[in-house]
Amino acid sequence: MSQRAYVNLDSRAQEALALNQLYKCISLEMKCRCKDRECQTVAQAVEIIERYEAIMGDQGRKSTVRGVFSHCDPERNLNNQQTEIDRTLEK
């Protein structure tokens, strides 16, 4: 696409534009892997991406949980919470 949009640029500049567009479409972790491998072309980046996706499988598409927050009152004990859960499940 960058070849058609920017016909006046040389092939290296077009490749750099295409590579930057690819980086916008992938996860930060995958972008870092490509940068670590010093990918200069889209083909090199795609090779790295495909290799890691084959290794990681669906895990690469899952988001990472950074933290969990609970609205529960710390004064309530576990038994009371269990009783409420049981009542909810019985409904």
N, C-alpha and C. Protein backbone atom coordinates (compact mmCIF):
# COMPACT_ATOMS: atom_id res chain seq x y z
N MET A 1 0.81 -1.18 0.00
CA MET A 1 0.00 0.00 0.00
C MET A 1 0.86 1.26 0.00
N SER A 2 1.94 1.20 0.77
CA SER A 2 2.79 2.40 0.82
C SER A 2 3.45 2.67 -0.52
N GLN A 3 3.64 1.64 -1.36
CA GLN A 3 4.21 1.85 -2.68
C GLN A 3 3.26 2.65 -3.56
N ARG A 4 1.97 2.38 -3.43
CA ARG A 4 0.99 3.12 -4.24
C ARG A 4 0.76 4.52 -3.69
N ALA A 5 0.76 4.66 -2.38
CA ALA A 5 0.47 5.96 -1.77
C ALA A 5 1.64 6.93 -1.90
N TYR A 6 2.84 6.39 -1.85
CA TYR A 6 4.04 7.25 -1.86
C TYR A 6 4.97 6.82 -3.00
N VAL A 7 4.51 7.03 -4.22
CA VAL A 7 5.29 6.59 -5.38
C VAL A 7 6.58 7.38 -5.54
N ASN A 8 6.64 8.58 -4.99
CA ASN A 8 7.83 9.41 -5.15
C ASN A 8 8.93 9.07 -4.14
N LEU A 9 8.66 8.22 -3.16
CA LEU A 9 9.67 7.82 -2.18
C LEU A 9 10.45 6.61 -2.69
N ASP A 10 11.70 6.50 -2.25
CA ASP A 10 12.48 5.33 -2.63
C ASP A 10 11.97 4.10 -1.87
N SER A 11 12.44 2.93 -2.26
CA SER A 11 11.91 1.68 -1.70
C SER A 11 12.21 1.54 -0.21
N ARG A 12 13.35 2.04 0.25
CA ARG A 12 13.68 1.94 1.68
C ARG A 12 12.73 2.78 2.52
N ALA A 13 12.39 3.97 2.05
CA ALA A 13 11.45 4.83 2.77
C ALA A 13 10.06 4.22 2.79
N GLN A 14 9.65 3.64 1.66
CA GLN A 14 8.34 2.97 1.60
C GLN A 14 8.30 1.79 2.56
N GLU A 15 9.39 1.04 2.62
CA GLU A 15 9.46 -0.11 3.53
C GLU A 15 9.39 0.35 4.98
N ALA A 16 10.07 1.44 5.30
CA ALA A 16 10.03 1.97 6.67
C ALA A 16 8.62 2.43 7.04
N LEU A 17 7.92 3.07 6.13
CA LEU A 17 6.54 3.48 6.39
C LEU A 17 5.64 2.27 6.61
N ALA A 18 5.80 1.26 5.77
CA ALA A 18 4.99 0.04 5.92
C ALA A 18 5.29 -0.66 7.24
N LEU A 19 6.55 -0.69 7.63
CA LEU A 19 6.94 -1.33 8.89
C LEU A 19 6.35 -0.57 10.08
N ASN A 20 6.37 0.75 10.03
CA ASN A 20 5.76 1.54 11.10
C ASN A 20 4.26 1.30 11.19
N GLN A 21 3.59 1.16 10.06
CA GLN A 21 2.16 0.86 10.07
C GLN A 21 1.90 -0.52 10.68
N LEU A 22 2.75 -1.48 10.37
CA LEU A 22 2.61 -2.82 10.95
C LEU A 22 2.77 -2.75 12.46
N TYR A 23 3.73 -1.99 12.93
CA TYR A 23 3.96 -1.86 14.38
C TYR A 23 2.74 -1.28 15.10
N LYS A 24 1.96 -0.46 14.42
CA LYS A 24 0.76 0.11 15.03
C LYS A 24 -0.35 -0.93 15.19
N CYS A 25 -0.26 -2.03 14.45
CA CYS A 25 -1.32 -3.05 14.44
C CYS A 25 -1.04 -4.24 15.35
N ILE A 26 0.14 -4.31 15.91
CA ILE A 26 0.49 -5.48 16.73
C ILE A 26 0.67 -5.06 18.19
N SER A 27 0.73 -6.05 19.05
CA SER A 27 0.87 -5.77 20.49
C SER A 27 2.25 -5.17 20.78
N LEU A 28 2.32 -4.51 21.92
CA LEU A 28 3.58 -3.90 22.35
C LEU A 28 4.67 -4.95 22.52
N GLU A 29 4.30 -6.11 23.08
CA GLU A 29 5.28 -7.18 23.29
C GLU A 29 5.86 -7.65 21.95
N MET A 30 4.97 -7.82 20.95
CA MET A 30 5.42 -8.29 19.64
C MET A 30 6.27 -7.21 18.96
N LYS A 31 5.90 -5.97 19.14
CA LYS A 31 6.69 -4.87 18.58
C LYS A 31 8.09 -4.86 19.18
N CYS A 32 8.19 -5.08 20.48
CA CYS A 32 9.50 -5.12 21.14
C CYS A 32 10.34 -6.28 20.62
N ARG A 33 9.70 -7.42 20.37
CA ARG A 33 10.45 -8.56 19.82
C ARG A 33 11.02 -8.22 18.45
N CYS A 34 10.21 -7.56 17.63
CA CYS A 34 10.68 -7.18 16.30
C CYS A 34 11.83 -6.17 16.40
N LYS A 35 11.70 -5.23 17.31
CA LYS A 35 12.77 -4.23 17.49
C LYS A 35 14.05 -4.88 18.02
N ASP A 36 13.90 -5.86 18.94
CA ASP A 36 15.06 -6.57 19.47
C ASP A 36 15.80 -7.32 18.36
N ARG A 37 15.04 -7.86 17.42
CA ARG A 37 15.64 -8.61 16.30
C ARG A 37 16.09 -7.68 15.18
N GLU A 38 15.92 -6.37 15.39
CA GLU A 38 16.34 -5.35 14.43
C GLU A 38 15.76 -5.58 13.04
N CYS A 39 14.45 -5.80 12.99
CA CYS A 39 13.77 -6.00 11.71
C CYS A 39 13.85 -4.73 10.87
N GLN A 40 14.31 -4.86 9.65
CA GLN A 40 14.42 -3.73 8.74
C GLN A 40 13.33 -3.73 7.67
N THR A 41 12.69 -4.88 7.49
CA THR A 41 11.65 -4.99 6.47
C THR A 41 10.39 -5.59 7.07
N VAL A 42 9.28 -5.41 6.35
CA VAL A 42 8.02 -6.00 6.78
C VAL A 42 8.13 -7.52 6.76
N ALA A 43 8.81 -8.06 5.77
CA ALA A 43 8.97 -9.52 5.68
C ALA A 43 9.69 -10.08 6.91
N GLN A 44 10.72 -9.41 7.36
CA GLN A 44 11.44 -9.86 8.57
C GLN A 44 10.53 -9.79 9.79
N ALA A 45 9.78 -8.71 9.91
CA ALA A 45 8.88 -8.55 11.06
C ALA A 45 7.78 -9.61 11.04
N VAL A 46 7.22 -9.87 9.88
CA VAL A 46 6.17 -10.89 9.77
C VAL A 46 6.71 -12.26 10.13
N GLU A 47 7.94 -12.55 9.74
CA GLU A 47 8.56 -13.83 10.10
C GLU A 47 8.67 -13.98 11.62
N ILE A 48 9.11 -12.93 12.29
CA ILE A 48 9.23 -12.95 13.76
C ILE A 48 7.85 -13.10 14.39
N ILE A 49 6.88 -12.33 13.91
CA ILE A 49 5.53 -12.38 14.46
C ILE A 49 4.94 -13.78 14.31
N GLU A 50 5.07 -14.36 13.13
CA GLU A 50 4.52 -15.71 12.90
C GLU A 50 5.22 -16.75 13.76
N ARG A 51 6.52 -16.62 13.94
CA ARG A 51 7.26 -17.57 14.77
C ARG A 51 6.76 -17.53 16.22
N TYR A 52 6.63 -16.33 16.77
CA TYR A 52 6.17 -16.21 18.15
C TYR A 52 4.71 -16.60 18.31
N GLU A 53 3.87 -16.28 17.34
CA GLU A 53 2.46 -16.68 17.42
C GLU A 53 2.33 -18.20 17.37
N ALA A 54 3.19 -18.86 16.60
CA ALA A 54 3.16 -20.33 16.55
C ALA A 54 3.56 -20.93 17.89
N ILE A 55 4.51 -20.30 18.56
CA ILE A 55 4.96 -20.79 19.87
C ILE A 55 3.92 -20.50 20.94
N MET A 56 3.39 -19.28 20.95
CA MET A 56 2.49 -18.86 22.01
C MET A 56 1.06 -19.31 21.79
N GLY A 57 0.66 -19.59 20.59
CA GLY A 57 -0.71 -19.98 20.32
C GLY A 57 -1.67 -18.85 20.64
N ASP A 58 -2.79 -19.17 21.27
CA ASP A 58 -3.82 -18.18 21.60
C ASP A 58 -3.42 -17.29 22.75
N GLN A 59 -2.38 -17.64 23.47
CA GLN A 59 -1.97 -16.84 24.62
C GLN A 59 -1.61 -15.42 24.21
N GLY A 60 -1.11 -15.26 23.02
CA GLY A 60 -0.73 -13.93 22.57
C GLY A 60 -1.91 -13.01 22.35
N ARG A 61 -3.09 -13.56 22.19
CA ARG A 61 -4.29 -12.77 21.96
C ARG A 61 -5.01 -12.42 23.26
N LYS A 62 -4.60 -13.02 24.35
CA LYS A 62 -5.24 -12.74 25.63
C LYS A 62 -4.58 -11.53 26.26
N SER A 63 -5.36 -10.76 26.98
CA SER A 63 -4.79 -9.60 27.65
C SER A 63 -4.27 -10.00 29.03
N THR A 64 -3.30 -9.28 29.48
CA THR A 64 -2.70 -9.54 30.77
C THR A 64 -3.45 -8.77 31.85
N VAL A 65 -3.72 -9.42 32.95
CA VAL A 65 -4.36 -8.76 34.08
C VAL A 65 -3.28 -8.05 34.87
N ARG A 66 -3.41 -6.75 35.01
CA ARG A 66 -2.40 -5.95 35.70
C ARG A 66 -2.74 -5.77 37.18
N GLY A 67 -4.02 -5.89 37.52
CA GLY A 67 -4.41 -5.71 38.92
C GLY A 67 -5.87 -6.08 39.11
N VAL A 68 -6.23 -6.33 40.33
CA VAL A 68 -7.59 -6.69 40.67
C VAL A 68 -8.03 -5.82 41.83
N PHE A 69 -9.25 -5.29 41.75
CA PHE A 69 -9.78 -4.44 42.80
C PHE A 69 -11.11 -5.01 43.24
N SER A 70 -11.33 -5.07 44.52
CA SER A 70 -12.57 -5.62 45.06
C SER A 70 -13.31 -4.54 45.83
N HIS A 71 -14.63 -4.55 45.68
CA HIS A 71 -15.47 -3.59 46.40
C HIS A 71 -16.00 -4.18 47.70
N CYS A 72 -15.56 -5.37 48.07
CA CYS A 72 -16.06 -6.03 49.28
C CYS A 72 -15.60 -5.29 50.53
N ASP A 73 -16.47 -5.30 51.50
CA ASP A 73 -16.17 -4.70 52.79
C ASP A 73 -15.22 -5.63 53.54
N PRO A 74 -14.06 -5.17 53.95
CA PRO A 74 -13.09 -6.05 54.62
C PRO A 74 -13.59 -6.58 55.96
N GLU A 75 -14.62 -5.94 56.52
CA GLU A 75 -15.15 -6.37 57.81
C GLU A 75 -16.00 -7.64 57.70
N ARG A 76 -16.50 -7.92 56.52
CA ARG A 76 -17.34 -9.11 56.35
C ARG A 76 -16.45 -10.35 56.38
N ASN A 77 -16.97 -11.38 57.01
CA ASN A 77 -16.15 -12.59 57.08
C ASN A 77 -16.50 -13.55 55.95
N LEU A 78 -15.71 -14.54 55.79
CA LEU A 78 -15.86 -15.48 54.70
C LEU A 78 -17.16 -16.26 54.78
N ASN A 79 -17.58 -16.61 55.98
CA ASN A 79 -18.83 -17.37 56.14
C ASN A 79 -20.03 -16.59 55.63
N ASN A 80 -20.11 -15.31 55.95
CA ASN A 80 -21.21 -14.48 55.46
C ASN A 80 -21.21 -14.40 53.94
N GLN A 81 -20.04 -14.25 53.36
CA GLN A 81 -19.94 -14.19 51.91
C GLN A 81 -20.36 -15.51 51.28
N GLN A 82 -19.96 -16.62 51.88
CA GLN A 82 -20.33 -17.93 51.35
C GLN A 82 -21.85 -18.13 51.42
N THR A 83 -22.47 -17.70 52.50
CA THR A 83 -23.92 -17.82 52.65
C THR A 83 -24.63 -17.02 51.56
N GLU A 84 -24.16 -15.81 51.29
CA GLU A 84 -24.77 -14.99 50.24
C GLU A 84 -24.59 -15.62 48.87
N ILE A 85 -23.47 -16.19 48.63
CA ILE A 85 -23.22 -16.85 47.34
C ILE A 85 -24.15 -18.04 47.18
N ASP A 86 -24.30 -18.83 48.24
CA ASP A 86 -25.20 -19.99 48.19
C ASP A 86 -26.63 -19.56 47.90
N ARG A 87 -27.09 -18.49 48.55
CA ARG A 87 -28.45 -17.99 48.32
C ARG A 87 -28.62 -17.54 46.87
N THR A 88 -27.63 -16.88 46.35
CA THR A 88 -27.70 -16.41 44.97
C THR A 88 -27.76 -17.58 44.00
N LEU A 89 -26.98 -18.62 44.25
CA LEU A 89 -26.97 -19.78 43.37
C LEU A 89 -28.27 -20.57 43.44
N GLU A 90 -28.94 -20.56 44.57
CA GLU A 90 -30.19 -21.29 44.73
C GLU A 90 -31.33 -20.63 43.97
N LYS A 91 -31.24 -19.34 43.70
CA LYS A 91 -32.30 -18.61 43.00
C LYS A 91 -32.41 -19.02 41.59
